[in-house]
Amino acid sequence: MRFKKIETGIEGLYIIEPTVFGDARGFFMESWNKKEFEQLGINCEFVQDNHSKSKKGVLRGLHFQIENVQAKLVRCIRGKIIDIAVDLRKDSPTFGKYFSVELSEENKLMLFIPKYFAHGFLVVSEEAEVMYKADDYYNSKADSGIIWNDETLSIDWQLERYGLKEEELTISEKDKKHQTFRQFLENYPW
């Protein structure tokens, strides 16, 4: 196996550790192999790759789609991020719980996020490039989210650890207007 699946304590949400082959030239690794992921119990037909570049303090999220619900495989190919996934599966024992992991070009870890999760990340290096696969297409009409600093979710974005202050974060106007988790519960779409 070229990949190791690491449990996160949330069913279906996994850290994926690839096998990295390094020598004097650099390194080589597979970042996706359908057959091997199926052997790990991850069965996805990815249809879209996304790539973003951001500066330190950029916070994106917490995003999800109410239609064309997406599973994602996220990795940071340059720099370092704190990646967050929030369980939005109403029947899950971890509904409303979040998981946080540092993804970086150094550790080469990936996060597999199943359908019905909100996702976001914070850039904690000077710059970062993030790539992720999605198993359904982006649908702007179904785009939704939960506010990044929701009191109920109480996510620890580790600002102090990385020398960041809330007032210095760069957040899109769209992301600043996301609903609270309580509002999400009132309008639960699934």
C-alpha atoms as a PDB file:
ATOM      1  CA  MET A   1       0.000   0.000   0.000  1.00  0.00           C
ATOM      2  CA  ARG A   2       1.220   3.465  -0.903  1.00  0.00           C
ATOM      3  CA  PHE A   3      -1.185   5.163   1.513  1.00  0.00           C
ATOM      4  CA  LYS A   4      -1.883   4.894   5.222  1.00  0.00           C
ATOM      5  CA  LYS A   5      -5.358   5.768   6.512  1.00  0.00           C
ATOM      6  CA  ILE A   6      -5.303   7.417   9.952  1.00  0.00           C
ATOM      7  CA  GLU A   7      -8.497   7.578  12.014  1.00  0.00           C
ATOM      8  CA  THR A   8      -9.594  10.994  13.308  1.00  0.00           C
ATOM      9  CA  GLY A   9     -12.300  10.022  15.792  1.00  0.00           C
ATOM     10  CA  ILE A  10     -14.987  11.106  13.317  1.00  0.00           C
ATOM     11  CA  GLU A  11     -16.404   8.304  11.184  1.00  0.00           C
ATOM     12  CA  GLY A  12     -15.441   8.573   7.511  1.00  0.00           C
ATOM     13  CA  LEU A  13     -13.027  11.492   8.058  1.00  0.00           C
ATOM     14  CA  TYR A  14      -9.430  10.356   7.570  1.00  0.00           C
ATOM     15  CA  ILE A  15      -5.912  11.683   7.441  1.00  0.00           C
ATOM     16  CA  ILE A  16      -4.158  10.071   4.498  1.00  0.00           C
ATOM     17  CA  GLU A  17      -0.403   9.633   4.729  1.00  0.00           C
ATOM     18  CA  PRO A  18       1.235   8.906   1.371  1.00  0.00           C
ATOM     19  CA  THR A  19       4.439   6.968   0.888  1.00  0.00           C
ATOM     20  CA  VAL A  20       7.110   9.453  -0.157  1.00  0.00           C
ATOM     21  CA  PHE A  21      10.201   8.326  -2.064  1.00  0.00           C
ATOM     22  CA  GLY A  22      13.071  10.793  -1.653  1.00  0.00           C
ATOM     23  CA  ASP A  23      16.628  10.979  -2.904  1.00  0.00           C
ATOM     24  CA  ALA A  24      19.187  13.569  -4.026  1.00  0.00           C
ATOM     25  CA  ARG A  25      16.854  14.668  -6.845  1.00  0.00           C
ATOM     26  CA  GLY A  26      13.928  15.483  -4.530  1.00  0.00           C
ATOM     27  CA  PHE A  27      10.881  13.309  -3.944  1.00  0.00           C
ATOM     28  CA  PHE A  28       8.125  11.378  -5.663  1.00  0.00           C
ATOM     29  CA  MET A  29       4.724  10.393  -4.298  1.00  0.00           C
ATOM     30  CA  GLU A  30       1.296   9.432  -5.525  1.00  0.00           C
ATOM     31  CA  SER A  31      -1.402  11.768  -4.258  1.00  0.00           C
ATOM     32  CA  TRP A  32      -4.325   9.735  -5.607  1.00  0.00           C
ATOM     33  CA  ASN A  33      -4.757   6.153  -6.694  1.00  0.00           C
ATOM     34  CA  LYS A  34      -8.358   5.003  -7.126  1.00  0.00           C
ATOM     35  CA  LYS A  35      -7.564   1.311  -6.615  1.00  0.00           C
ATOM     36  CA  GLU A  36      -5.553   1.864  -3.434  1.00  0.00           C
ATOM     37  CA  PHE A  37      -8.097   4.277  -1.960  1.00  0.00           C
ATOM     38  CA  GLU A  38     -10.832   1.709  -2.608  1.00  0.00           C
ATOM     39  CA  GLN A  39      -8.745  -0.820  -0.656  1.00  0.00           C
ATOM     40  CA  LEU A  40      -8.777   1.714   2.202  1.00  0.00           C
ATOM     41  CA  GLY A  41     -12.587   1.851   1.979  1.00  0.00           C
ATOM     42  CA  ILE A  42     -12.693   5.263   0.265  1.00  0.00           C
ATOM     43  CA  ASN A  43     -14.795   4.999  -2.877  1.00  0.00           C
ATOM     44  CA  CYS A  44     -14.981   8.285  -4.764  1.00  0.00           C
ATOM     45  CA  GLU A  45     -15.295   9.318  -8.359  1.00  0.00           C
ATOM     46  CA  PHE A  46     -13.512  12.653  -8.235  1.00  0.00           C
ATOM     47  CA  VAL A  47     -14.647  14.989 -11.016  1.00  0.00           C
ATOM     48  CA  GLN A  48     -13.013  18.323 -10.190  1.00  0.00           C
ATOM     49  CA  ASP A  49      -9.620  19.572  -8.964  1.00  0.00           C
ATOM     50  CA  ASN A  50      -9.339  22.960  -7.246  1.00  0.00           C
ATOM     51  CA  HIS A  51      -6.186  24.970  -6.523  1.00  0.00           C
ATOM     52  CA  SER A  52      -5.893  28.104  -4.373  1.00  0.00           C
ATOM     53  CA  LYS A  53      -3.017  30.348  -3.380  1.00  0.00           C
ATOM     54  CA  SER A  54      -3.279  32.524  -0.277  1.00  0.00           C
ATOM     55  CA  LYS A  55      -1.147  34.660   2.024  1.00  0.00           C
ATOM     56  CA  LYS A  56      -0.648  34.230   5.767  1.00  0.00           C
ATOM     57  CA  GLY A  57      -3.800  35.003   7.730  1.00  0.00           C
ATOM     58  CA  VAL A  58      -6.223  34.159   4.914  1.00  0.00           C
ATOM     59  CA  LEU A  59      -9.125  32.152   6.285  1.00  0.00           C
ATOM     60  CA  ARG A  60     -11.430  30.383   3.824  1.00  0.00           C
ATOM     61  CA  GLY A  61     -14.622  28.718   4.989  1.00  0.00           C
ATOM     62  CA  LEU A  62     -16.505  27.091   6.462  1.00  0.00           C
ATOM     63  CA  HIS A  63     -17.962  25.962   3.104  1.00  0.00           C
ATOM     64  CA  PHE A  64     -20.411  23.291   1.976  1.00  0.00           C
ATOM     65  CA  GLN A  65     -23.018  22.815  -0.747  1.00  0.00           C
ATOM     66  CA  ILE A  66     -26.664  22.041  -0.017  1.00  0.00           C
ATOM     67  CA  GLU A  67     -26.962  20.314  -3.415  1.00  0.00           C
ATOM     68  CA  ASN A  68     -24.180  18.609  -5.343  1.00  0.00           C
ATOM     69  CA  VAL A  69     -22.801  17.706  -1.915  1.00  0.00           C
ATOM     70  CA  GLN A  70     -19.069  17.076  -2.186  1.00  0.00           C
ATOM     71  CA  ALA A  71     -16.536  14.717  -0.666  1.00  0.00           C
ATOM     72  CA  LYS A  72     -13.027  16.215  -0.818  1.00  0.00           C
ATOM     73  CA  LEU A  73      -9.404  15.154  -0.667  1.00  0.00           C
ATOM     74  CA  VAL A  74      -7.396  18.165   0.553  1.00  0.00           C
ATOM     75  CA  ARG A  75      -3.642  18.708   0.561  1.00  0.00           C
ATOM     76  CA  CYS A  76      -1.280  21.640   0.963  1.00  0.00           C
ATOM     77  CA  ILE A  77       1.415  21.563  -1.734  1.00  0.00           C
ATOM     78  CA  ARG A  78       3.214  24.742  -0.634  1.00  0.00           C
ATOM     79  CA  GLY A  79       3.386  26.295   2.819  1.00  0.00           C
ATOM     80  CA  LYS A  80       1.248  25.287   5.777  1.00  0.00           C
ATOM     81  CA  ILE A  81      -2.441  25.453   6.734  1.00  0.00           C
ATOM     82  CA  ILE A  82      -4.724  24.515   9.582  1.00  0.00           C
ATOM     83  CA  ASP A  83      -7.474  22.511   7.917  1.00  0.00           C
ATOM     84  CA  ILE A  84     -10.893  22.187   9.567  1.00  0.00           C
ATOM     85  CA  ALA A  85     -13.755  19.785   8.860  1.00  0.00           C
ATOM     86  CA  VAL A  86     -17.110  20.000  10.697  1.00  0.00           C
ATOM     87  CA  ASP A  87     -19.481  17.020  10.776  1.00  0.00           C
ATOM     88  CA  LEU A  88     -22.923  18.125   9.493  1.00  0.00           C
ATOM     89  CA  ARG A  89     -24.457  14.632   9.318  1.00  0.00           C
ATOM     90  CA  LYS A  90     -27.504  14.898  11.555  1.00  0.00           C
ATOM     91  CA  ASP A  91     -27.542  11.184  12.454  1.00  0.00           C
ATOM     92  CA  SER A  92     -23.818  11.057  13.247  1.00  0.00           C
ATOM     93  CA  PRO A  93     -22.663  10.652  16.873  1.00  0.00           C
ATOM     94  CA  THR A  94     -20.138  13.437  16.122  1.00  0.00           C
ATOM     95  CA  PHE A  95     -22.679  15.841  14.570  1.00  0.00           C
ATOM     96  CA  GLY A  96     -21.499  19.418  15.155  1.00  0.00           C
ATOM     97  CA  LYS A  97     -17.971  18.337  16.101  1.00  0.00           C
ATOM     98  CA  TYR A  98     -14.910  19.529  14.248  1.00  0.00           C
ATOM     99  CA  PHE A  99     -11.527  18.071  13.461  1.00  0.00           C
ATOM    100  CA  SER A 100      -8.367  20.100  12.899  1.00  0.00           C
ATOM    101  CA  VAL A 101      -5.106  19.045  11.257  1.00  0.00           C
ATOM    102  CA  GLU A 102      -1.985  20.797  10.042  1.00  0.00           C
ATOM    103  CA  LEU A 103      -1.370  20.112   6.358  1.00  0.00           C
ATOM    104  CA  SER A 104       1.905  21.236   4.842  1.00  0.00           C
ATOM    105  CA  GLU A 105       4.358  20.742   2.025  1.00  0.00           C
ATOM    106  CA  GLU A 106       6.672  19.158   4.598  1.00  0.00           C
ATOM    107  CA  ASN A 107       4.333  16.558   6.098  1.00  0.00           C
ATOM    108  CA  LYS A 108       2.518  15.864   2.782  1.00  0.00           C
ATOM    109  CA  LEU A 109      -0.546  14.680   4.709  1.00  0.00           C
ATOM    110  CA  MET A 110      -3.968  14.823   3.087  1.00  0.00           C
ATOM    111  CA  LEU A 111      -7.424  15.023   4.637  1.00  0.00           C
ATOM    112  CA  PHE A 112     -10.263  12.990   3.174  1.00  0.00           C
ATOM    113  CA  ILE A 113     -13.547  14.754   3.980  1.00  0.00           C
ATOM    114  CA  PRO A 114     -16.713  12.773   3.248  1.00  0.00           C
ATOM    115  CA  LYS A 115     -19.964  14.305   2.062  1.00  0.00           C
ATOM    116  CA  TYR A 116     -22.031  16.430   4.480  1.00  0.00           C
ATOM    117  CA  PHE A 117     -19.127  18.230   6.133  1.00  0.00           C
ATOM    118  CA  ALA A 118     -18.288  21.924   6.236  1.00  0.00           C
ATOM    119  CA  HIS A 119     -14.688  22.693   5.324  1.00  0.00           C
ATOM    120  CA  GLY A 120     -12.316  25.592   5.844  1.00  0.00           C
ATOM    121  CA  PHE A 121      -8.670  26.404   6.320  1.00  0.00           C
ATOM    122  CA  LEU A 122      -6.345  29.065   7.692  1.00  0.00           C
ATOM    123  CA  VAL A 123      -2.977  29.868   6.118  1.00  0.00           C
ATOM    124  CA  VAL A 124      -0.283  29.908   8.815  1.00  0.00           C
ATOM    125  CA  SER A 125       2.833  30.171   6.615  1.00  0.00           C
ATOM    126  CA  GLU A 126       3.820  33.259   4.596  1.00  0.00           C
ATOM    127  CA  GLU A 127       1.966  31.786   1.593  1.00  0.00           C
ATOM    128  CA  ALA A 128       0.231  28.506   0.896  1.00  0.00           C
ATOM    129  CA  GLU A 129      -1.115  26.648  -2.079  1.00  0.00           C
ATOM    130  CA  VAL A 130      -3.922  24.189  -1.458  1.00  0.00           C
ATOM    131  CA  MET A 131      -5.237  21.613  -3.898  1.00  0.00           C
ATOM    132  CA  TYR A 132      -8.284  19.473  -3.422  1.00  0.00           C
ATOM    133  CA  LYS A 133     -10.289  16.979  -5.360  1.00  0.00           C
ATOM    134  CA  ALA A 134     -14.104  17.000  -5.231  1.00  0.00           C
ATOM    135  CA  ASP A 135     -16.485  14.212  -6.185  1.00  0.00           C
ATOM    136  CA  ASP A 136     -19.193  16.571  -7.485  1.00  0.00           C
ATOM    137  CA  TYR A 137     -19.112  19.832  -9.382  1.00  0.00           C
ATOM    138  CA  TYR A 138     -19.182  23.280  -7.826  1.00  0.00           C
ATOM    139  CA  ASN A 139     -22.711  24.720  -7.859  1.00  0.00           C
ATOM    140  CA  SER A 140     -22.823  28.437  -7.038  1.00  0.00           C
ATOM    141  CA  LYS A 141     -26.592  28.270  -6.418  1.00  0.00           C
ATOM    142  CA  ALA A 142     -26.072  25.571  -3.759  1.00  0.00           C
ATOM    143  CA  ASP A 143     -23.077  27.247  -2.124  1.00  0.00           C
ATOM    144  CA  SER A 144     -23.462  27.760   1.623  1.00  0.00           C
ATOM    145  CA  GLY A 145     -21.454  27.977   4.798  1.00  0.00           C
ATOM    146  CA  ILE A 146     -21.191  28.471   8.540  1.00  0.00           C
ATOM    147  CA  ILE A 147     -19.412  31.472  10.032  1.00  0.00           C
ATOM    148  CA  TRP A 148     -15.790  30.664  10.889  1.00  0.00           C
ATOM    149  CA  ASN A 149     -15.989  31.940  14.487  1.00  0.00           C
ATOM    150  CA  ASP A 150     -19.326  30.380  15.429  1.00  0.00           C
ATOM    151  CA  GLU A 151     -19.746  30.277  19.219  1.00  0.00           C
ATOM    152  CA  THR A 152     -21.493  26.896  19.263  1.00  0.00           C
ATOM    153  CA  LEU A 153     -18.766  25.155  17.239  1.00  0.00           C
ATOM    154  CA  SER A 154     -16.042  27.010  19.178  1.00  0.00           C
ATOM    155  CA  ILE A 155     -13.278  26.103  16.708  1.00  0.00           C
ATOM    156  CA  ASP A 156      -9.712  26.637  17.893  1.00  0.00           C
ATOM    157  CA  TRP A 157      -8.005  28.111  14.835  1.00  0.00           C
ATOM    158  CA  GLN A 158      -4.706  28.250  16.805  1.00  0.00           C
ATOM    159  CA  LEU A 159      -4.223  31.950  16.063  1.00  0.00           C
ATOM    160  CA  GLU A 160      -1.900  32.587  18.996  1.00  0.00           C
ATOM    161  CA  ARG A 161       0.294  29.590  18.157  1.00  0.00           C
ATOM    162  CA  TYR A 162       0.987  31.049  14.714  1.00  0.00           C
ATOM    163  CA  GLY A 163       1.297  34.698  15.759  1.00  0.00           C
ATOM    164  CA  LEU A 164      -2.033  35.783  14.266  1.00  0.00           C
ATOM    165  CA  LYS A 165      -4.723  38.090  15.631  1.00  0.00           C
ATOM    166  CA  GLU A 166      -8.395  37.911  14.720  1.00  0.00           C
ATOM    167  CA  GLU A 167      -8.440  41.508  13.455  1.00  0.00           C
ATOM    168  CA  GLU A 168      -5.552  40.707  11.065  1.00  0.00           C
ATOM    169  CA  LEU A 169      -7.306  37.800   9.313  1.00  0.00           C
ATOM    170  CA  THR A 170      -8.247  38.171   5.670  1.00  0.00           C
ATOM    171  CA  ILE A 171     -11.755  36.799   5.119  1.00  0.00           C
ATOM    172  CA  SER A 172     -13.933  37.297   2.052  1.00  0.00           C
ATOM    173  CA  GLU A 173     -17.112  39.367   2.399  1.00  0.00           C
ATOM    174  CA  LYS A 174     -19.099  36.260   1.456  1.00  0.00           C
ATOM    175  CA  ASP A 175     -17.484  34.209   4.231  1.00  0.00           C
ATOM    176  CA  LYS A 176     -18.081  36.984   6.788  1.00  0.00           C
ATOM    177  CA  LYS A 177     -21.836  36.708   6.093  1.00  0.00           C
ATOM    178  CA  HIS A 178     -22.198  32.949   6.587  1.00  0.00           C
ATOM    179  CA  GLN A 179     -24.901  31.687   8.931  1.00  0.00           C
ATOM    180  CA  THR A 180     -24.336  30.518  12.479  1.00  0.00           C
ATOM    181  CA  PHE A 181     -24.506  26.841  13.366  1.00  0.00           C
ATOM    182  CA  ARG A 182     -27.864  27.485  15.110  1.00  0.00           C
ATOM    183  CA  GLN A 183     -29.234  29.060  11.932  1.00  0.00           C
ATOM    184  CA  PHE A 184     -27.959  26.064   9.995  1.00  0.00           C
ATOM    185  CA  LEU A 185     -29.888  23.777  12.380  1.00  0.00           C
ATOM    186  CA  GLU A 186     -33.089  25.762  11.816  1.00  0.00           C
ATOM    187  CA  ASN A 187     -32.748  25.417   8.064  1.00  0.00           C
ATOM    188  CA  TYR A 188     -31.091  21.992   7.957  1.00  0.00           C
ATOM    189  CA  PRO A 189     -31.031  21.182   4.232  1.00  0.00           C
ATOM    190  CA  TRP A 190     -30.693  17.395   4.216  1.00  0.00           C
END
